[in-house]
């Protein structure tokens, strides 16, 4: 998301203003950054920001994994049989 007030000539923040840290993965469910990366973003150089941005798509897969819910329970019941 872009805020016109905060436009600068640097790599945009990946923040989408959904700031919740996933307890298992340790990354924000909105932008996929770690707490350390979020806190240090303004102090990071352009090269380090670019490195973090390149890593984010791979982290998204960590959050897409589902525990299973009803589907997993149904599969477990079928596997165990009557």
PDB file of N, CA and C in Angstrom:
ATOM      1  N   UNK A   1       0.832  -1.178   0.000  1.00  0.00           N
ATOM      2  CA  UNK A   1       0.000   0.000   0.000  1.00  0.00           C
ATOM      3  C   UNK A   1       0.875   1.238   0.000  1.00  0.00           C
ATOM      4  N   UNK A   2       0.448   2.218  -0.733  1.00  0.00           N
ATOM      5  CA  UNK A   2       1.238   3.442  -0.776  1.00  0.00           C
ATOM      6  C   UNK A   2       0.506   4.557  -0.055  1.00  0.00           C
ATOM      7  N   UNK A   3       1.257   5.290   0.697  1.00  0.00           N
ATOM      8  CA  UNK A   3       0.747   6.497   1.332  1.00  0.00           C
ATOM      9  C   UNK A   3       1.436   7.660   0.649  1.00  0.00           C
ATOM     10  N   UNK A   4       0.666   8.502  -0.016  1.00  0.00           N
ATOM     11  CA  UNK A   4       1.269   9.597  -0.764  1.00  0.00           C
ATOM     12  C   UNK A   4       2.078  10.528   0.122  1.00  0.00           C
ATOM     13  N   UNK A   5       1.711  10.641   1.369  1.00  0.00           N
ATOM     14  CA  UNK A   5       2.438  11.515   2.289  1.00  0.00           C
ATOM     15  C   UNK A   5       3.865  11.014   2.501  1.00  0.00           C
ATOM     16  N   UNK A   6       4.036   9.690   2.475  1.00  0.00           N
ATOM     17  CA  UNK A   6       5.322   9.099   2.813  1.00  0.00           C
ATOM     18  C   UNK A   6       6.125   8.647   1.607  1.00  0.00           C
ATOM     19  N   UNK A   7       5.896   9.202   0.444  1.00  0.00           N
ATOM     20  CA  UNK A   7       6.652   8.796  -0.735  1.00  0.00           C
ATOM     21  C   UNK A   7       8.102   9.241  -0.626  1.00  0.00           C
ATOM     22  N   UNK A   8       8.984   8.293  -0.935  1.00  0.00           N
ATOM     23  CA  UNK A   8      10.425   8.569  -0.924  1.00  0.00           C
ATOM     24  C   UNK A   8      11.061   7.875  -2.111  1.00  0.00           C
ATOM     25  N   UNK A   9      12.300   8.205  -2.397  1.00  0.00           N
ATOM     26  CA  UNK A   9      13.042   7.555  -3.467  1.00  0.00           C
ATOM     27  C   UNK A   9      13.830   6.382  -2.899  1.00  0.00           C
ATOM     28  N   UNK A  10      13.110   5.344  -2.494  1.00  0.00           N
ATOM     29  CA  UNK A  10      13.751   4.147  -1.958  1.00  0.00           C
ATOM     30  C   UNK A  10      12.806   2.978  -2.177  1.00  0.00           C
ATOM     31  N   UNK A  11      13.277   1.783  -1.877  1.00  0.00           N
ATOM     32  CA  UNK A  11      12.447   0.600  -2.031  1.00  0.00           C
ATOM     33  C   UNK A  11      11.237   0.725  -1.118  1.00  0.00           C
ATOM     34  N   UNK A  12      10.062   0.515  -1.684  1.00  0.00           N
ATOM     35  CA  UNK A  12       8.832   0.580  -0.901  1.00  0.00           C
ATOM     36  C   UNK A  12       8.809  -0.517   0.146  1.00  0.00           C
ATOM     37  N   UNK A  13       8.165  -0.227   1.226  1.00  0.00           N
ATOM     38  CA  UNK A  13       7.948  -1.222   2.262  1.00  0.00           C
ATOM     39  C   UNK A  13       6.916  -2.223   1.760  1.00  0.00           C
ATOM     40  N   UNK A  14       7.088  -3.493   2.079  1.00  0.00           N
ATOM     41  CA  UNK A  14       6.095  -4.492   1.683  1.00  0.00           C
ATOM     42  C   UNK A  14       4.863  -4.488   2.592  1.00  0.00           C
ATOM     43  N   UNK A  15       4.823  -3.603   3.563  1.00  0.00           N
ATOM     44  CA  UNK A  15       3.724  -3.550   4.523  1.00  0.00           C
ATOM     45  C   UNK A  15       2.392  -3.338   3.815  1.00  0.00           C
ATOM     46  N   UNK A  16       1.408  -4.165   4.193  1.00  0.00           N
ATOM     47  CA  UNK A  16       0.051  -4.034   3.656  1.00  0.00           C
ATOM     48  C   UNK A  16      -0.933  -3.690   4.777  1.00  0.00           C
ATOM     49  N   UNK A  17      -0.384  -3.309   5.916  1.00  0.00           N
ATOM     50  CA  UNK A  17      -1.151  -2.868   7.087  1.00  0.00           C
ATOM     51  C   UNK A  17      -2.056  -3.960   7.664  1.00  0.00           C
ATOM     52  N   UNK A  18      -1.582  -5.188   7.570  1.00  0.00           N
ATOM     53  CA  UNK A  18      -2.203  -6.326   8.262  1.00  0.00           C
ATOM     54  C   UNK A  18      -1.086  -6.871   9.142  1.00  0.00           C
ATOM     55  N   UNK A  19      -0.925  -6.289  10.287  1.00  0.00           N
ATOM     56  CA  UNK A  19       0.238  -6.560  11.129  1.00  0.00           C
ATOM     57  C   UNK A  19      -0.084  -7.574  12.228  1.00  0.00           C
ATOM     58  N   UNK A  20       0.142  -8.837  11.909  1.00  0.00           N
ATOM     59  CA  UNK A  20      -0.068  -9.926  12.854  1.00  0.00           C
ATOM     60  C   UNK A  20       1.086 -10.902  12.664  1.00  0.00           C
ATOM     61  N   UNK A  21       1.813 -11.165  13.734  1.00  0.00           N
ATOM     62  CA  UNK A  21       2.929 -12.105  13.650  1.00  0.00           C
ATOM     63  C   UNK A  21       2.409 -13.522  13.858  1.00  0.00           C
ATOM     64  N   UNK A  22       2.662 -14.390  12.893  1.00  0.00           N
ATOM     65  CA  UNK A  22       2.252 -15.790  12.983  1.00  0.00           C
ATOM     66  C   UNK A  22       3.119 -16.453  14.040  1.00  0.00           C
ATOM     67  N   UNK A  23       2.507 -17.068  15.058  1.00  0.00           N
ATOM     68  CA  UNK A  23       3.292 -17.617  16.164  1.00  0.00           C
ATOM     69  C   UNK A  23       4.207 -18.769  15.764  1.00  0.00           C
ATOM     70  N   UNK A  24       3.812 -19.569  14.809  1.00  0.00           N
ATOM     71  CA  UNK A  24       4.643 -20.704  14.403  1.00  0.00           C
ATOM     72  C   UNK A  24       5.744 -20.319  13.446  1.00  0.00           C
ATOM     73  N   UNK A  25       5.405 -19.493  12.453  1.00  0.00           N
ATOM     74  CA  UNK A  25       6.368 -19.122  11.419  1.00  0.00           C
ATOM     75  C   UNK A  25       7.255 -17.952  11.835  1.00  0.00           C
ATOM     76  N   UNK A  26       6.766 -17.115  12.762  1.00  0.00           N
ATOM     77  CA  UNK A  26       7.555 -15.973  13.214  1.00  0.00           C
ATOM     78  C   UNK A  26       7.639 -14.837  12.210  1.00  0.00           C
ATOM     79  N   UNK A  27       6.694 -14.807  11.269  1.00  0.00           N
ATOM     80  CA  UNK A  27       6.663 -13.726  10.284  1.00  0.00           C
ATOM     81  C   UNK A  27       5.284 -13.082  10.266  1.00  0.00           C
ATOM     82  N   UNK A  28       5.229 -11.869   9.800  1.00  0.00           N
ATOM     83  CA  UNK A  28       3.971 -11.132   9.703  1.00  0.00           C
ATOM     84  C   UNK A  28       3.102 -11.767   8.622  1.00  0.00           C
ATOM     85  N   UNK A  29       1.830 -11.990   8.926  1.00  0.00           N
ATOM     86  CA  UNK A  29       0.932 -12.597   7.938  1.00  0.00           C
ATOM     87  C   UNK A  29       0.596 -11.627   6.810  1.00  0.00           C
ATOM     88  N   UNK A  30       0.835 -10.343   7.004  1.00  0.00           N
ATOM     89  CA  UNK A  30       0.581  -9.360   5.956  1.00  0.00           C
ATOM     90  C   UNK A  30       1.722  -9.206   4.981  1.00  0.00           C
ATOM     91  N   UNK A  31       2.936  -9.024   5.500  1.00  0.00           N
ATOM     92  CA  UNK A  31       4.075  -8.717   4.620  1.00  0.00           C
ATOM     93  C   UNK A  31       5.150  -9.798   4.586  1.00  0.00           C
ATOM     94  N   UNK A  32       5.042 -10.798   5.463  1.00  0.00           N
ATOM     95  CA  UNK A  32       5.991 -11.923   5.530  1.00  0.00           C
ATOM     96  C   UNK A  32       7.375 -11.563   6.065  1.00  0.00           C
ATOM     97  N   UNK A  33       7.500 -10.393   6.710  1.00  0.00           N
ATOM     98  CA  UNK A  33       8.784 -10.034   7.316  1.00  0.00           C
ATOM     99  C   UNK A  33       8.820 -10.494   8.768  1.00  0.00           C
ATOM    100  N   UNK A  34      10.035 -10.680   9.287  1.00  0.00           N
ATOM    101  CA  UNK A  34      10.208 -10.994  10.699  1.00  0.00           C
ATOM    102  C   UNK A  34      10.078  -9.706  11.509  1.00  0.00           C
ATOM    103  N   UNK A  35       9.912  -9.847  12.817  1.00  0.00           N
ATOM    104  CA  UNK A  35       9.861  -8.658  13.676  1.00  0.00           C
ATOM    105  C   UNK A  35      11.130  -7.831  13.547  1.00  0.00           C
ATOM    106  N   UNK A  36      12.267  -8.504  13.470  1.00  0.00           N
ATOM    107  CA  UNK A  36      13.543  -7.796  13.357  1.00  0.00           C
ATOM    108  C   UNK A  36      13.603  -6.987  12.057  1.00  0.00           C
ATOM    109  N   UNK A  37      13.105  -7.578  10.969  1.00  0.00           N
ATOM    110  CA  UNK A  37      13.114  -6.864   9.687  1.00  0.00           C
ATOM    111  C   UNK A  37      12.154  -5.690   9.706  1.00  0.00           C
ATOM    112  N   UNK A  38      10.997  -5.873  10.318  1.00  0.00           N
ATOM    113  CA  UNK A  38      10.035  -4.772  10.408  1.00  0.00           C
ATOM    114  C   UNK A  38      10.619  -3.628  11.222  1.00  0.00           C
ATOM    115  N   UNK A  39      11.184  -3.947  12.375  1.00  0.00           N
ATOM    116  CA  UNK A  39      11.744  -2.915  13.256  1.00  0.00           C
ATOM    117  C   UNK A  39      12.938  -2.207  12.626  1.00  0.00           C
ATOM    118  N   UNK A  40      13.724  -2.932  11.866  1.00  0.00           N
ATOM    119  CA  UNK A  40      14.940  -2.347  11.295  1.00  0.00           C
ATOM    120  C   UNK A  40      14.792  -1.804   9.883  1.00  0.00           C
ATOM    121  N   UNK A  41      13.598  -1.876   9.319  1.00  0.00           N
ATOM    122  CA  UNK A  41      13.403  -1.503   7.912  1.00  0.00           C
ATOM    123  C   UNK A  41      13.900  -0.093   7.612  1.00  0.00           C
ATOM    124  N   UNK A  42      13.574   0.871   8.432  1.00  0.00           N
ATOM    125  CA  UNK A  42      13.956   2.261   8.132  1.00  0.00           C
ATOM    126  C   UNK A  42      15.461   2.479   8.202  1.00  0.00           C
ATOM    127  N   UNK A  43      16.163   1.638   8.944  1.00  0.00           N
ATOM    128  CA  UNK A  43      17.616   1.782   9.053  1.00  0.00           C
ATOM    129  C   UNK A  43      18.375   0.934   8.024  1.00  0.00           C
ATOM    130  N   UNK A  44      17.671   0.032   7.330  1.00  0.00           N
ATOM    131  CA  UNK A  44      18.328  -0.844   6.353  1.00  0.00           C
ATOM    132  C   UNK A  44      18.746  -0.069   5.120  1.00  0.00           C
ATOM    133  N   UNK A  45      19.854  -0.491   4.569  1.00  0.00           N
ATOM    134  CA  UNK A  45      20.290   0.074   3.298  1.00  0.00           C
ATOM    135  C   UNK A  45      19.479  -0.503   2.147  1.00  0.00           C
ATOM    136  N   UNK A  46      19.622   0.099   0.990  1.00  0.00           N
ATOM    137  CA  UNK A  46      18.853  -0.324  -0.178  1.00  0.00           C
ATOM    138  C   UNK A  46      19.143  -1.771  -0.569  1.00  0.00           C
ATOM    139  N   UNK A  47      20.388  -2.195  -0.476  1.00  0.00           N
ATOM    140  CA  UNK A  47      20.761  -3.563  -0.837  1.00  0.00           C
ATOM    141  C   UNK A  47      20.111  -4.571   0.098  1.00  0.00           C
ATOM    142  N   UNK A  48      20.154  -4.313   1.402  1.00  0.00           N
ATOM    143  CA  UNK A  48      19.545  -5.239   2.363  1.00  0.00           C
ATOM    144  C   UNK A  48      18.025  -5.290   2.181  1.00  0.00           C
ATOM    145  N   UNK A  49      17.411  -4.147   1.918  1.00  0.00           N
ATOM    146  CA  UNK A  49      15.967  -4.137   1.668  1.00  0.00           C
ATOM    147  C   UNK A  49      15.630  -4.985   0.444  1.00  0.00           C
ATOM    148  N   UNK A  50      16.431  -4.856  -0.591  1.00  0.00           N
ATOM    149  CA  UNK A  50      16.197  -5.648  -1.803  1.00  0.00           C
ATOM    150  C   UNK A  50      16.338  -7.138  -1.506  1.00  0.00           C
ATOM    151  N   UNK A  51      17.300  -7.512  -0.655  1.00  0.00           N
ATOM    152  CA  UNK A  51      17.476  -8.913  -0.271  1.00  0.00           C
ATOM    153  C   UNK A  51      16.248  -9.430   0.473  1.00  0.00           C
ATOM    154  N   UNK A  52      15.748  -8.626   1.414  1.00  0.00           N
ATOM    155  CA  UNK A  52      14.559  -9.018   2.180  1.00  0.00           C
ATOM    156  C   UNK A  52      13.375  -9.174   1.231  1.00  0.00           C
ATOM    157  N   UNK A  53      13.179  -8.217   0.338  1.00  0.00           N
ATOM    158  CA  UNK A  53      12.062  -8.271  -0.606  1.00  0.00           C
ATOM    159  C   UNK A  53      12.131  -9.540  -1.461  1.00  0.00           C
ATOM    160  N   UNK A  54      13.339  -9.950  -1.840  1.00  0.00           N
ATOM    161  CA  UNK A  54      13.506 -11.155  -2.658  1.00  0.00           C
ATOM    162  C   UNK A  54      13.153 -12.424  -1.872  1.00  0.00           C
ATOM    163  N   UNK A  55      13.318 -12.404  -0.554  1.00  0.00           N
ATOM    164  CA  UNK A  55      13.026 -13.563   0.278  1.00  0.00           C
ATOM    165  C   UNK A  55      11.536 -13.724   0.588  1.00  0.00           C
ATOM    166  N   UNK A  56      10.771 -12.654   0.512  1.00  0.00           N
ATOM    167  CA  UNK A  56       9.380 -12.672   0.953  1.00  0.00           C
ATOM    168  C   UNK A  56       8.473 -13.660   0.225  1.00  0.00           C
ATOM    169  N   UNK A  57       8.547 -13.795  -1.094  1.00  0.00           N
ATOM    170  CA  UNK A  57       7.656 -14.764  -1.752  1.00  0.00           C
ATOM    171  C   UNK A  57       7.837 -16.194  -1.245  1.00  0.00           C
ATOM    172  N   UNK A  58       9.040 -16.582  -0.922  1.00  0.00           N
ATOM    173  CA  UNK A  58       9.285 -17.918  -0.390  1.00  0.00           C
ATOM    174  C   UNK A  58       8.699 -18.115   0.996  1.00  0.00           C
ATOM    175  N   UNK A  59       8.635 -17.061   1.764  1.00  0.00           N
ATOM    176  CA  UNK A  59       8.074 -17.146   3.116  1.00  0.00           C
ATOM    177  C   UNK A  59       6.555 -17.268   3.090  1.00  0.00           C
ATOM    178  N   UNK A  60       5.931 -16.766   2.056  1.00  0.00           N
ATOM    179  CA  UNK A  60       4.471 -16.816   1.966  1.00  0.00           C
ATOM    180  C   UNK A  60       3.977 -18.257   2.017  1.00  0.00           C
ATOM    181  N   UNK A  61       4.748 -19.178   1.480  1.00  0.00           N
ATOM    182  CA  UNK A  61       4.353 -20.590   1.476  1.00  0.00           C
ATOM    183  C   UNK A  61       4.264 -21.135   2.900  1.00  0.00           C
ATOM    184  N   UNK A  62       5.043 -20.596   3.825  1.00  0.00           N
ATOM    185  CA  UNK A  62       4.979 -21.051   5.216  1.00  0.00           C
ATOM    186  C   UNK A  62       3.612 -20.796   5.818  1.00  0.00           C
ATOM    187  N   UNK A  63       2.979 -19.716   5.390  1.00  0.00           N
ATOM    188  CA  UNK A  63       1.701 -19.329   5.963  1.00  0.00           C
ATOM    189  C   UNK A  63       0.519 -19.942   5.220  1.00  0.00           C
ATOM    190  N   UNK A  64       0.743 -20.476   4.045  1.00  0.00           N
ATOM    191  CA  UNK A  64      -0.339 -21.078   3.280  1.00  0.00           C
ATOM    192  C   UNK A  64      -0.641 -22.500   3.720  1.00  0.00           C
ATOM    193  N   UNK A  65       0.297 -23.120   4.398  1.00  0.00           N
ATOM    194  CA  UNK A  65       0.070 -24.481   4.867  1.00  0.00           C
ATOM    195  C   UNK A  65      -1.062 -24.477   5.876  1.00  0.00           C
ATOM    196  N   UNK A  66      -1.996 -25.322   5.651  1.00  0.00           N
ATOM    197  CA  UNK A  66      -3.133 -25.409   6.564  1.00  0.00           C
ATOM    198  C   UNK A  66      -2.933 -26.586   7.492  1.00  0.00           C
ATOM    199  N   UNK A  67      -3.502 -26.487   8.653  1.00  0.00           N
ATOM    200  CA  UNK A  67      -3.451 -27.588   9.605  1.00  0.00           C
ATOM    201  C   UNK A  67      -4.365 -28.718   9.177  1.00  0.00           C
ATOM    202  N   UNK A  68      -5.347 -28.406   8.378  1.00  0.00           N
ATOM    203  CA  UNK A  68      -6.221 -29.442   7.869  1.00  0.00           C
ATOM    204  C   UNK A  68      -7.678 -29.207   8.164  1.00  0.00           C
ATOM    205  N   UNK A  69      -8.010 -28.874   9.395  1.00  0.00           N
ATOM    206  CA  UNK A  69      -9.406 -28.642   9.744  1.00  0.00           C
ATOM    207  C   UNK A  69     -10.266 -29.860   9.460  1.00  0.00           C
ATOM    208  N   UNK A  70     -11.459 -29.621   8.941  1.00  0.00           N
ATOM    209  CA  UNK A  70     -12.400 -30.714   8.670  1.00  0.00           C
ATOM    210  C   UNK A  70     -11.861 -31.693   7.648  1.00  0.00           C
ATOM    211  N   UNK A  71     -11.160 -31.189   6.639  1.00  0.00           N
ATOM    212  CA  UNK A  71     -10.632 -32.070   5.604  1.00  0.00           C
ATOM    213  C   UNK A  71      -9.661 -33.076   6.201  1.00  0.00           C
ATOM    214  N   UNK A  72      -8.760 -32.622   7.047  1.00  0.00           N
ATOM    215  CA  UNK A  72      -7.777 -33.525   7.654  1.00  0.00           C
ATOM    216  C   UNK A  72      -8.449 -34.531   8.579  1.00  0.00           C
ATOM    217  N   UNK A  73      -9.438 -34.083   9.320  1.00  0.00           N
ATOM    218  CA  UNK A  73     -10.140 -35.013  10.222  1.00  0.00           C
ATOM    219  C   UNK A  73     -10.853 -36.093   9.416  1.00  0.00           C
ATOM    220  N   UNK A  74     -11.467 -35.704   8.296  1.00  0.00           N
ATOM    221  CA  UNK A  74     -12.151 -36.676   7.442  1.00  0.00           C
ATOM    222  C   UNK A  74     -11.191 -37.697   6.867  1.00  0.00           C
ATOM    223  N   UNK A  75     -10.008 -37.244   6.463  1.00  0.00           N
ATOM    224  CA  UNK A  75      -9.013 -38.150   5.927  1.00  0.00           C
ATOM    225  C   UNK A  75      -8.498 -39.092   7.007  1.00  0.00           C
ATOM    226  N   UNK A  76      -8.337 -38.580   8.225  1.00  0.00           N
ATOM    227  CA  UNK A  76      -7.858 -39.418   9.331  1.00  0.00           C
ATOM    228  C   UNK A  76      -8.903 -40.469   9.680  1.00  0.00           C
ATOM    229  N   UNK A  77     -10.174 -40.097   9.656  1.00  0.00           N
ATOM    230  CA  UNK A  77     -11.235 -41.052   9.955  1.00  0.00           C
ATOM    231  C   UNK A  77     -11.309 -42.144   8.890  1.00  0.00           C
ATOM    232  N   UNK A  78     -11.123 -41.748   7.618  1.00  0.00           N
ATOM    233  CA  UNK A  78     -11.149 -42.730   6.549  1.00  0.00           C
ATOM    234  C   UNK A  78      -9.965 -43.687   6.654  1.00  0.00           C
ATOM    235  N   UNK A  79      -8.812 -43.168   7.028  1.00  0.00           N
ATOM    236  CA  UNK A  79      -7.615 -43.998   7.145  1.00  0.00           C
ATOM    237  C   UNK A  79      -7.716 -44.985   8.283  1.00  0.00           C
ATOM    238  N   UNK A  80      -8.348 -44.574   9.378  1.00  0.00           N
ATOM    239  CA  UNK A  80      -8.445 -45.461  10.544  1.00  0.00           C
ATOM    240  C   UNK A  80      -9.529 -46.514  10.369  1.00  0.00           C
ATOM    241  N   UNK A  81     -10.503 -46.225   9.506  1.00  0.00           N
ATOM    242  CA  UNK A  81     -11.559 -47.205   9.232  1.00  0.00           C
ATOM    243  C   UNK A  81     -12.525 -47.381  10.375  1.00  0.00           C
ATOM    244  N   UNK A  82     -13.536 -48.239  10.155  1.00  0.00           N
ATOM    245  CA  UNK A  82     -14.564 -48.442  11.191  1.00  0.00           C
ATOM    246  C   UNK A  82     -14.119 -49.303  12.342  1.00  0.00           C
TER     247      UNK A  82
END
